[in-house]
Amino acid sequence: MMKKPRIFLIFSIFLLIISGLIPYITGIKAEEQFTLISMQLPDNLKIVNSNYQRGWLNSTAESTLLLREANDTVQTITLTHQIEHGFLPLKPAVIYTYIQADLSNNTPPNQLTGQASPFFIRTELQANGDVNNTLNMERLRLQQADNAMQWQGLTGEVNLSQTGHLASTTLKLPALHSQSKLGELTIQDLQLQATVEESIAHLLLGHGHLQIGTLTLTNPFIGKIQLSELTINSYNVPNDTYLNLQFLITSKQLQLNTHNYQNVKIVLDLNQIHKESLQNIIVQLNQLQNLQFTSPTQLNFWLLGIMMRDGIPLLKHNPTVNISELSALTDAGTVNAQLKVHIDNLPSVSIFTLNTLPTNFIYEFSLEAPKPFLNKLIQTITYYWLTPEAVSATIIEARLQHWEKQGLLIATQTNQQYKTEITWKNNRLNVNGQNIPTQRVETIEKNY
């Protein structure tokens, strides 16, 4: 009768031993994962030293890395890890990572200066293999020559499935400001949500939602562009052979210098993109940073090789770029436009006939817009090339009426809007059903 209590006691002791070993075994697995990640770093990121101290319930690790950029700028990055082994499956293992960049070792002319808060990552390793990451970086300010960037309040979550593919991500950024010779970019209230379903050569595809409160771009050539309540939704339509993407872009208000537009909407589709060809192109372009070219000619020949090897096969699958809707509300009324670019039955192309490739593209464009809007649009476009007298409202209105008589523009029944349909195919221009000879196009340009 004493055997049952003895067996129970032995079994209990066995469970206690196994339970006690769980955190230690988890620590071993965490160290293996840490080592694996270190071996998979990019070529321009090298580990100078690494120290991993494994305990029974906790471990610590510290690594120093050197990041060498394309302009030979070297950054020193310090990673500090605090690892709680947890008690799987009841309690997940947790890794606290602090990333700090040292900017003091930079030297001119590519000297990078500024201040950066530590980048904090909290990682949970679940029993089923999933990984949940929480991100936080309070502020960043960088300056390099004429380029500057700063942001504040970056937070987010990145969740990885057990297969290793990115499952979902959420990022929030209250403010970002960037400045260069090309102009200034300011973003306020950025939020990003994405669910990834597929990866093609490190190109992650799935469903995404980007929301920006205000985006302002100032450029010395185009002036000021400001978008309010901008949203971009992307969708990946699954297909075994082809990549089909759709983008829905909306903005409550668009300001182009002194012109304002409301309820801007763009629906963009990218269809029939051959996956295998696209993957080969991406893989080769990713190798570009590791290649050393002695001259621009050598680079051009390398890119030409990619075009002939994979670019032409991609085009032979008849990819399509289709803007099925581009609409906006102006002071004079609503503007609607559509644009489709595609290739049908691409003939054999050699390196000697590559210059004829653009003639195989088909362009289809349609527009319906208020007359005052077209008047202002043409004024804006031609302002820098013509004299003030030539871009006066009266002159342009007369030109629009002349185009109407030629059939290039068609007035609607209310006579408040113009519409037109333009097709370019086989080096031939067709406008509203009538073929326009090349000589007539040149005549129209001269008369303008």
Protein backbone atom coordinates (compact mmCIF):
# COMPACT_ATOMS: atom_id res chain seq x y z
CA MET A 1 0.00 0.00 0.00
CA MET A 2 3.04 2.22 0.38
CA LYS A 3 3.86 2.07 -3.32
CA LYS A 4 1.21 4.57 -4.46
CA PRO A 5 2.38 7.43 -2.17
CA ARG A 6 5.98 6.66 -3.15
CA ILE A 7 5.12 6.72 -6.87
CA PHE A 8 3.17 9.94 -6.41
CA LEU A 9 6.12 11.48 -4.56
CA ILE A 10 8.56 10.44 -7.29
CA PHE A 11 6.21 11.77 -9.99
CA SER A 12 5.81 15.08 -8.13
CA ILE A 13 9.57 15.45 -7.79
CA PHE A 14 9.94 14.68 -11.51
CA LEU A 15 7.40 17.39 -12.37
CA LEU A 16 9.19 19.90 -10.15
CA ILE A 17 12.50 19.13 -11.86
CA ILE A 18 10.98 19.47 -15.32
CA SER A 19 9.20 22.67 -14.29
CA GLY A 20 12.43 24.06 -12.92
CA LEU A 21 14.22 23.25 -16.14
CA ILE A 22 11.63 25.03 -18.33
CA PRO A 23 13.04 28.54 -17.78
CA TYR A 24 16.59 27.27 -18.33
CA ILE A 25 15.64 25.44 -21.52
CA THR A 26 13.80 28.56 -22.67
CA GLY A 27 16.99 30.51 -22.02
CA ILE A 28 18.94 28.10 -24.23
CA LYS A 29 16.39 28.52 -27.02
CA ALA A 30 16.49 32.30 -26.62
CA GLU A 31 20.29 32.23 -26.94
CA GLU A 32 20.04 30.05 -30.05
CA GLN A 33 17.54 32.49 -31.56
CA PHE A 34 19.78 35.43 -30.64
CA THR A 35 22.76 33.75 -32.36
CA LEU A 36 20.67 32.94 -35.44
CA ILE A 37 19.54 36.56 -35.79
CA SER A 38 23.16 37.73 -35.48
CA MET A 39 24.20 35.45 -38.37
CA GLN A 40 21.47 36.84 -40.64
CA LEU A 41 22.51 40.51 -40.47
CA PRO A 42 23.01 42.46 -43.73
CA ASP A 43 26.50 42.66 -45.23
CA ASN A 44 26.86 46.33 -44.29
CA LEU A 45 26.13 45.58 -40.60
CA LYS A 46 28.96 43.86 -38.73
CA ILE A 47 29.13 42.68 -35.10
CA VAL A 48 32.29 44.02 -33.45
CA ASN A 49 31.77 42.23 -30.14
CA SER A 50 28.99 40.33 -28.40
CA ASN A 51 28.60 39.17 -24.81
CA TYR A 52 25.80 36.78 -23.80
CA GLN A 53 25.33 35.84 -20.12
CA ARG A 54 22.74 33.11 -19.55
CA GLY A 55 21.25 32.54 -16.11
CA TRP A 56 18.54 30.23 -14.85
CA LEU A 57 15.62 32.65 -14.90
CA ASN A 58 17.19 35.62 -16.68
CA SER A 59 19.86 36.36 -19.26
CA THR A 60 21.61 39.48 -20.49
CA ALA A 61 23.32 40.29 -23.77
CA GLU A 62 25.20 43.26 -25.16
CA SER A 63 26.40 43.72 -28.73
CA THR A 64 28.27 46.44 -30.59
CA LEU A 65 27.66 46.74 -34.32
CA LEU A 66 29.15 48.87 -37.08
CA LEU A 67 26.84 50.09 -39.85
CA ARG A 68 28.65 51.15 -43.02
CA GLU A 69 26.52 53.21 -45.40
CA ALA A 70 26.96 53.64 -49.15
CA ASN A 71 28.81 56.95 -48.64
CA ASP A 72 31.32 55.21 -46.30
CA THR A 73 29.74 56.77 -43.22
CA VAL A 74 30.18 54.40 -40.25
CA GLN A 75 27.68 54.29 -37.38
CA THR A 76 28.27 52.54 -34.07
CA ILE A 77 25.17 50.85 -32.68
CA THR A 78 24.87 49.33 -29.21
CA LEU A 79 22.24 46.68 -28.44
CA THR A 80 21.41 45.76 -24.85
CA HIS A 81 19.11 42.81 -24.13
CA GLN A 82 17.45 41.82 -20.88
CA ILE A 83 15.78 38.43 -21.21
CA GLU A 84 13.19 36.95 -18.86
CA HIS A 85 12.98 33.23 -19.61
CA GLY A 86 9.35 32.98 -18.49
CA PHE A 87 7.52 29.76 -17.80
CA LEU A 88 6.12 28.41 -21.05
CA PRO A 89 3.31 27.81 -21.82
CA LEU A 90 1.91 29.69 -18.79
CA LYS A 91 4.13 32.75 -19.11
CA PRO A 92 5.90 33.81 -22.32
CA ALA A 93 9.59 34.59 -22.48
CA VAL A 94 10.16 38.35 -22.68
CA ILE A 95 13.14 40.16 -24.23
CA TYR A 96 13.72 43.86 -23.52
CA THR A 97 15.99 45.39 -26.16
CA TYR A 98 17.53 48.87 -26.08
CA ILE A 99 19.20 50.15 -29.25
CA GLN A 100 21.45 53.21 -29.03
CA ALA A 101 23.38 54.82 -31.90
CA ASP A 102 26.67 56.63 -31.27
CA LEU A 103 27.09 59.60 -33.61
CA SER A 104 30.37 60.87 -32.15
CA ASN A 105 32.63 58.80 -34.44
CA ASN A 106 31.47 60.44 -37.66
CA THR A 107 33.91 62.48 -39.70
CA PRO A 108 33.38 65.09 -42.46
CA PRO A 109 32.32 65.44 -45.21
CA ASN A 110 29.51 62.98 -44.47
CA GLN A 111 29.38 63.75 -40.77
CA LEU A 112 26.08 62.79 -39.19
CA THR A 113 25.11 64.67 -36.05
CA GLY A 114 22.06 64.86 -33.85
CA GLN A 115 20.34 63.25 -30.91
CA ALA A 116 18.37 60.03 -30.66
CA SER A 117 16.49 58.46 -27.80
CA PRO A 118 17.13 54.74 -27.27
CA PHE A 119 14.96 52.57 -29.48
CA PHE A 120 13.07 50.26 -27.11
CA ILE A 121 11.64 46.89 -28.19
CA ARG A 122 9.68 44.53 -25.95
CA THR A 123 9.51 41.03 -27.45
CA GLU A 124 7.28 38.20 -26.25
CA LEU A 125 8.07 34.63 -27.38
CA GLN A 126 4.83 32.63 -27.28
CA ALA A 127 4.61 28.88 -26.70
CA ASN A 128 3.20 28.31 -30.22
CA GLY A 129 6.17 30.06 -31.85
CA ASP A 130 4.53 33.45 -32.45
CA VAL A 131 6.53 36.58 -31.62
CA ASN A 132 4.92 39.83 -30.46
CA ASN A 133 7.00 43.05 -30.50
CA THR A 134 6.18 46.43 -28.96
CA LEU A 135 8.21 49.40 -30.25
CA ASN A 136 8.91 52.82 -28.78
CA MET A 137 11.25 55.68 -29.64
CA GLU A 138 10.55 59.05 -28.06
CA ARG A 139 12.48 61.33 -30.40
CA LEU A 140 15.08 61.48 -33.15
CA ARG A 141 16.97 64.40 -34.69
CA LEU A 142 19.62 63.91 -37.40
CA GLN A 143 21.66 66.35 -39.50
CA GLN A 144 23.97 65.47 -42.41
CA ALA A 145 25.22 68.28 -44.66
CA ASP A 146 22.06 69.93 -46.08
CA ASN A 147 19.79 67.07 -45.01
CA ALA A 148 17.90 67.00 -41.71
CA MET A 149 15.20 64.81 -40.21
CA GLN A 150 13.41 64.64 -36.90
CA TRP A 151 10.45 62.85 -35.41
CA GLN A 152 8.87 62.30 -32.02
CA GLY A 153 6.68 59.73 -30.31
CA LEU A 154 7.17 56.65 -32.53
CA THR A 155 5.22 53.68 -31.13
CA GLY A 156 3.99 50.45 -32.63
CA GLU A 157 3.52 46.71 -32.62
CA VAL A 158 4.97 44.10 -34.95
CA ASN A 159 3.64 40.54 -34.65
CA LEU A 160 5.34 37.58 -36.33
CA SER A 161 3.63 34.27 -36.99
CA GLN A 162 5.34 30.98 -36.22
CA THR A 163 6.15 30.57 -39.93
CA GLY A 164 8.44 33.58 -39.73
CA HIS A 165 6.32 35.78 -42.02
CA LEU A 166 5.13 39.17 -40.83
CA ALA A 167 1.55 38.74 -39.67
CA SER A 168 0.53 42.25 -38.65
CA THR A 169 2.00 45.61 -37.77
CA THR A 170 0.77 48.89 -36.29
CA LEU A 171 2.82 52.10 -36.19
CA LYS A 172 1.98 55.58 -34.90
CA LEU A 173 4.04 58.71 -35.44
CA PRO A 174 2.66 62.07 -34.21
CA ALA A 175 5.13 64.25 -36.11
CA LEU A 176 7.92 63.98 -38.70
CA HIS A 177 9.91 66.72 -40.43
CA SER A 178 12.49 66.26 -43.20
CA GLN A 179 14.53 68.91 -45.02
CA SER A 180 16.92 68.74 -47.98
CA LYS A 181 17.93 70.69 -51.08
CA LEU A 182 14.80 69.40 -52.79
CA GLY A 183 12.52 70.97 -50.19
CA GLU A 184 10.75 70.21 -46.93
CA LEU A 185 8.36 67.44 -45.91
CA THR A 186 6.17 67.63 -42.81
CA ILE A 187 3.86 64.84 -41.65
CA GLN A 188 1.50 65.00 -38.70
CA ASP A 189 -0.52 62.20 -37.09
CA LEU A 190 0.66 59.19 -39.08
CA GLN A 191 -0.90 55.79 -38.42
CA LEU A 192 -0.05 52.58 -40.28
CA GLN A 193 -1.79 49.22 -40.05
CA ALA A 194 -0.82 46.25 -42.21
CA THR A 195 -1.48 42.54 -42.49
CA VAL A 196 1.01 40.68 -44.64
CA GLU A 197 0.06 37.46 -46.40
CA GLU A 198 2.90 36.90 -48.86
CA SER A 199 6.57 37.68 -49.39
CA ILE A 200 8.24 37.99 -52.80
CA ALA A 201 12.01 38.41 -52.42
CA HIS A 202 11.63 40.49 -49.24
CA LEU A 203 8.76 42.45 -50.81
CA LEU A 204 5.95 42.06 -48.28
CA LEU A 205 2.45 41.98 -49.70
CA GLY A 206 -0.96 42.04 -48.09
CA HIS A 207 -3.49 44.57 -46.86
CA GLY A 208 -2.43 47.97 -45.56
CA HIS A 209 -4.04 51.12 -44.21
CA LEU A 210 -2.08 54.38 -43.97
CA GLN A 211 -3.68 57.46 -42.44
CA ILE A 212 -2.05 60.90 -42.24
CA GLY A 213 -3.63 63.94 -40.62
CA THR A 214 -1.63 66.48 -42.63
CA LEU A 215 1.13 66.09 -45.23
CA THR A 216 2.92 69.21 -46.45
CA LEU A 217 5.56 69.24 -49.20
CA THR A 218 7.40 72.42 -50.15
CA ASN A 219 9.56 72.33 -53.26
CA PRO A 220 11.35 75.22 -55.05
CA PHE A 221 10.07 73.99 -58.42
CA ILE A 222 6.42 73.10 -57.73
CA GLY A 223 5.75 75.29 -54.71
CA LYS A 224 3.58 74.01 -51.86
CA ILE A 225 1.46 70.86 -51.78
CA GLN A 226 -0.68 70.06 -48.76
CA LEU A 227 -2.95 67.05 -48.21
CA SER A 228 -5.40 66.85 -45.32
CA GLU A 229 -6.90 63.64 -43.93
CA LEU A 230 -4.98 61.49 -46.39
CA THR A 231 -5.73 57.75 -46.41
CA ILE A 232 -4.11 55.03 -48.52
CA ASN A 233 -5.56 51.52 -48.53
CA SER A 234 -3.74 48.73 -50.35
CA TYR A 235 -5.06 45.28 -51.20
CA ASN A 236 -3.31 42.20 -52.54
CA VAL A 237 -5.58 39.97 -54.63
CA PRO A 238 -4.14 36.42 -54.27
CA ASN A 239 -3.06 34.58 -57.41
CA ASP A 240 -0.56 31.75 -57.90
CA THR A 241 1.09 33.22 -60.99
CA TYR A 242 0.43 36.95 -60.98
CA LEU A 243 0.58 39.80 -58.52
CA ASN A 244 -2.54 41.96 -58.51
CA LEU A 245 -2.55 45.06 -56.31
CA GLN A 246 -5.17 47.73 -55.71
CA PHE A 247 -4.69 51.10 -54.03
CA LEU A 248 -7.49 53.37 -52.83
CA ILE A 249 -6.25 56.89 -52.07
CA THR A 250 -8.47 59.62 -50.64
CA SER A 251 -7.88 63.09 -49.25
CA LYS A 252 -10.41 65.50 -47.81
CA GLN A 253 -8.51 68.49 -49.16
CA LEU A 254 -5.63 69.04 -51.59
CA GLN A 255 -3.91 72.41 -51.82
CA LEU A 256 -1.63 73.11 -54.80
CA ASN A 257 -0.17 76.54 -54.12
CA THR A 258 -3.26 78.78 -54.37
CA HIS A 259 -5.60 76.12 -55.78
CA ASN A 260 -7.82 74.03 -53.50
CA TYR A 261 -9.55 70.74 -54.29
CA GLN A 262 -11.95 68.77 -52.11
CA ASN A 263 -12.75 65.04 -51.80
CA VAL A 264 -9.84 63.79 -53.89
CA LYS A 265 -10.08 60.09 -54.79
CA ILE A 266 -7.76 57.78 -56.75
CA VAL A 267 -8.34 54.09 -57.49
CA LEU A 268 -5.18 52.47 -58.87
CA ASP A 269 -4.85 48.83 -60.00
CA LEU A 270 -1.65 46.96 -60.91
CA ASN A 271 -2.62 43.69 -62.58
CA GLN A 272 -0.97 40.74 -64.34
CA ILE A 273 2.48 41.34 -62.81
CA HIS A 274 4.37 38.08 -63.25
CA LYS A 275 5.60 36.97 -59.82
CA GLU A 276 8.66 34.98 -60.90
CA SER A 277 10.00 37.76 -63.13
CA LEU A 278 9.34 40.38 -60.45
CA GLN A 279 11.12 38.28 -57.84
CA ASN A 280 14.19 37.87 -60.05
CA ILE A 281 14.33 41.62 -60.67
CA ILE A 282 14.07 42.45 -56.96
CA VAL A 283 16.76 39.92 -56.00
CA GLN A 284 19.19 41.38 -58.54
CA LEU A 285 18.45 44.98 -57.54
CA ASN A 286 19.07 44.04 -53.90
CA GLN A 287 22.54 42.89 -54.97
CA LEU A 288 23.28 46.33 -56.39
CA GLN A 289 24.58 47.74 -53.09
CA ASN A 290 27.21 44.99 -52.87
CA LEU A 291 28.56 45.47 -56.39
CA GLN A 292 31.45 47.75 -57.28
CA PHE A 293 31.13 49.36 -60.72
CA THR A 294 34.13 51.08 -62.28
CA SER A 295 32.03 53.35 -64.51
CA PRO A 296 28.42 54.41 -65.21
CA THR A 297 28.63 52.44 -68.47
CA GLN A 298 29.26 49.23 -66.55
CA LEU A 299 26.22 49.94 -64.37
CA ASN A 300 24.08 50.61 -67.44
CA PHE A 301 25.10 47.29 -69.00
CA TRP A 302 24.27 45.49 -65.75
CA LEU A 303 20.80 47.08 -65.66
CA LEU A 304 20.37 46.29 -69.34
CA GLY A 305 21.06 42.65 -68.56
CA ILE A 306 18.28 42.65 -65.94
CA MET A 307 15.93 44.22 -68.46
CA MET A 308 16.61 41.63 -71.15
CA ARG A 309 16.69 38.67 -68.76
CA ASP A 310 13.61 39.39 -66.62
CA GLY A 311 12.11 42.74 -67.63
CA ILE A 312 11.05 41.59 -71.10
CA PRO A 313 9.50 38.31 -69.79
CA LEU A 314 7.57 40.39 -67.25
CA LEU A 315 6.19 42.61 -70.04
CA LYS A 316 5.27 39.57 -72.15
CA HIS A 317 2.68 38.67 -69.50
CA ASN A 318 0.80 41.90 -70.39
CA PRO A 319 0.90 43.82 -67.09
CA THR A 320 -1.61 46.64 -66.69
CA VAL A 321 -1.56 49.94 -64.81
CA ASN A 322 -5.10 51.22 -64.49
CA ILE A 323 -6.33 54.38 -62.76
CA SER A 324 -10.02 53.59 -62.94
CA GLU A 325 -10.98 56.72 -61.02
CA LEU A 326 -9.32 60.05 -60.40
CA SER A 327 -11.82 62.58 -59.12
CA ALA A 328 -11.83 65.86 -57.21
CA LEU A 329 -14.26 68.65 -56.40
CA THR A 330 -13.17 72.10 -57.57
CA ASP A 331 -14.78 75.52 -57.22
CA ALA A 332 -16.18 75.11 -60.73
CA GLY A 333 -17.42 71.52 -60.33
CA THR A 334 -16.21 67.92 -60.33
CA VAL A 335 -13.22 66.63 -62.31
CA ASN A 336 -13.17 62.97 -63.41
CA ALA A 337 -10.33 61.21 -65.22
CA GLN A 338 -9.21 57.68 -66.09
CA LEU A 339 -5.87 56.36 -67.35
CA LYS A 340 -4.88 52.87 -68.50
CA VAL A 341 -1.41 51.78 -69.63
CA HIS A 342 -0.85 48.23 -70.89
CA ILE A 343 0.87 46.02 -73.46
CA ASP A 344 -0.85 43.55 -75.75
CA ASN A 345 1.08 40.81 -77.56
CA LEU A 346 4.64 42.06 -77.12
CA PRO A 347 6.73 40.92 -80.12
CA SER A 348 10.23 39.52 -79.82
CA VAL A 349 12.62 42.16 -78.51
CA SER A 350 16.40 42.04 -78.81
CA ILE A 351 19.05 44.34 -77.44
CA PHE A 352 19.18 46.02 -80.87
CA THR A 353 15.43 46.74 -80.99
CA LEU A 354 15.06 47.76 -77.34
CA ASN A 355 14.56 51.40 -78.34
CA THR A 356 11.30 50.42 -80.07
CA LEU A 357 9.84 49.02 -76.84
CA PRO A 358 7.86 52.21 -75.93
CA THR A 359 5.90 51.92 -79.18
CA ASN A 360 4.30 48.71 -77.88
CA PHE A 361 2.63 50.45 -74.97
CA ILE A 362 -1.03 51.41 -75.25
CA TYR A 363 -2.27 54.54 -73.46
CA GLU A 364 -5.96 55.23 -72.90
CA PHE A 365 -6.99 58.48 -71.23
CA SER A 366 -10.37 60.11 -70.63
CA LEU A 367 -11.23 63.38 -68.92
CA GLU A 368 -14.36 65.30 -68.00
CA ALA A 369 -13.77 68.66 -66.35
CA PRO A 370 -15.38 72.11 -65.95
CA LYS A 371 -14.30 74.69 -68.49
CA PRO A 372 -12.96 77.16 -65.87
CA PHE A 373 -10.86 74.37 -64.36
CA LEU A 374 -9.23 73.54 -67.71
CA ASN A 375 -8.57 77.23 -68.26
CA LYS A 376 -6.75 77.56 -64.92
CA LEU A 377 -4.94 74.25 -65.41
CA ILE A 378 -3.49 75.26 -68.77
CA GLN A 379 -2.54 78.66 -67.36
CA THR A 380 -0.62 76.98 -64.54
CA ILE A 381 1.14 74.48 -66.81
CA THR A 382 2.22 77.00 -69.45
CA TYR A 383 2.99 79.92 -67.12
CA TYR A 384 6.77 79.29 -67.10
CA TRP A 385 7.09 78.78 -70.87
CA LEU A 386 4.89 81.51 -72.36
CA THR A 387 4.52 85.24 -71.93
CA PRO A 388 1.83 86.61 -69.56
CA GLU A 389 -0.17 87.77 -72.57
CA ALA A 390 -0.15 84.27 -74.07
CA VAL A 391 -1.52 82.68 -70.90
CA SER A 392 -4.28 85.19 -70.25
CA ALA A 393 -7.70 83.69 -69.52
CA THR A 394 -9.16 85.18 -72.70
CA ILE A 395 -6.49 83.70 -74.97
CA ILE A 396 -6.73 80.26 -73.38
CA GLU A 397 -10.53 80.27 -73.53
CA ALA A 398 -10.33 81.04 -77.25
CA ARG A 399 -7.84 78.20 -77.67
CA LEU A 400 -10.20 75.79 -75.88
CA GLN A 401 -13.03 76.84 -78.21
CA HIS A 402 -10.75 76.24 -81.20
CA TRP A 403 -9.96 72.72 -79.93
CA GLU A 404 -13.67 72.14 -79.52
CA LYS A 405 -14.24 73.01 -83.19
CA GLN A 406 -11.49 70.57 -84.15
CA GLY A 407 -13.17 67.81 -82.15
CA LEU A 408 -10.35 67.53 -79.63
CA LEU A 409 -12.75 68.61 -76.88
CA ILE A 410 -16.48 67.86 -76.65
CA ALA A 411 -18.79 70.15 -74.72
CA THR A 412 -21.40 68.48 -72.52
CA GLN A 413 -25.12 69.17 -72.93
CA THR A 414 -25.03 71.83 -70.22
CA ASN A 415 -22.05 73.44 -72.01
CA GLN A 416 -20.34 73.81 -68.62
CA GLN A 417 -17.82 71.00 -69.05
CA TYR A 418 -15.46 69.55 -71.61
CA LYS A 419 -14.77 65.86 -72.08
CA THR A 420 -12.29 64.00 -74.22
CA GLU A 421 -11.05 60.46 -74.86
CA ILE A 422 -7.48 59.96 -76.07
CA THR A 423 -5.80 56.73 -77.19
CA TRP A 424 -2.17 56.24 -78.23
CA LYS A 425 -1.55 52.90 -79.94
CA ASN A 426 0.97 51.75 -82.54
CA ASN A 427 2.43 55.26 -82.72
CA ARG A 428 -0.98 56.63 -83.67
CA LEU A 429 -3.07 59.18 -81.82
CA ASN A 430 -6.85 58.90 -81.68
CA VAL A 431 -8.94 61.63 -80.07
CA ASN A 432 -12.68 61.18 -79.61
CA GLY A 433 -12.83 58.57 -82.37
CA GLN A 434 -10.84 60.47 -85.00
CA ASN A 435 -7.28 59.63 -86.01
CA ILE A 436 -4.91 62.57 -85.63
CA PRO A 437 -1.96 62.47 -88.09
CA THR A 438 1.46 63.39 -86.75
CA GLN A 439 1.55 66.49 -88.96
CA ARG A 440 -1.69 67.74 -87.42
CA VAL A 441 -0.34 67.27 -83.89
CA GLU A 442 2.70 69.36 -84.82
CA THR A 443 0.40 72.02 -86.31
CA ILE A 444 -1.67 72.15 -83.11
CA GLU A 445 1.50 72.61 -81.03
CA LYS A 446 2.75 75.44 -83.30
CA ASN A 447 -0.61 77.22 -83.24
CA TYR A 448 -0.63 77.10 -79.49
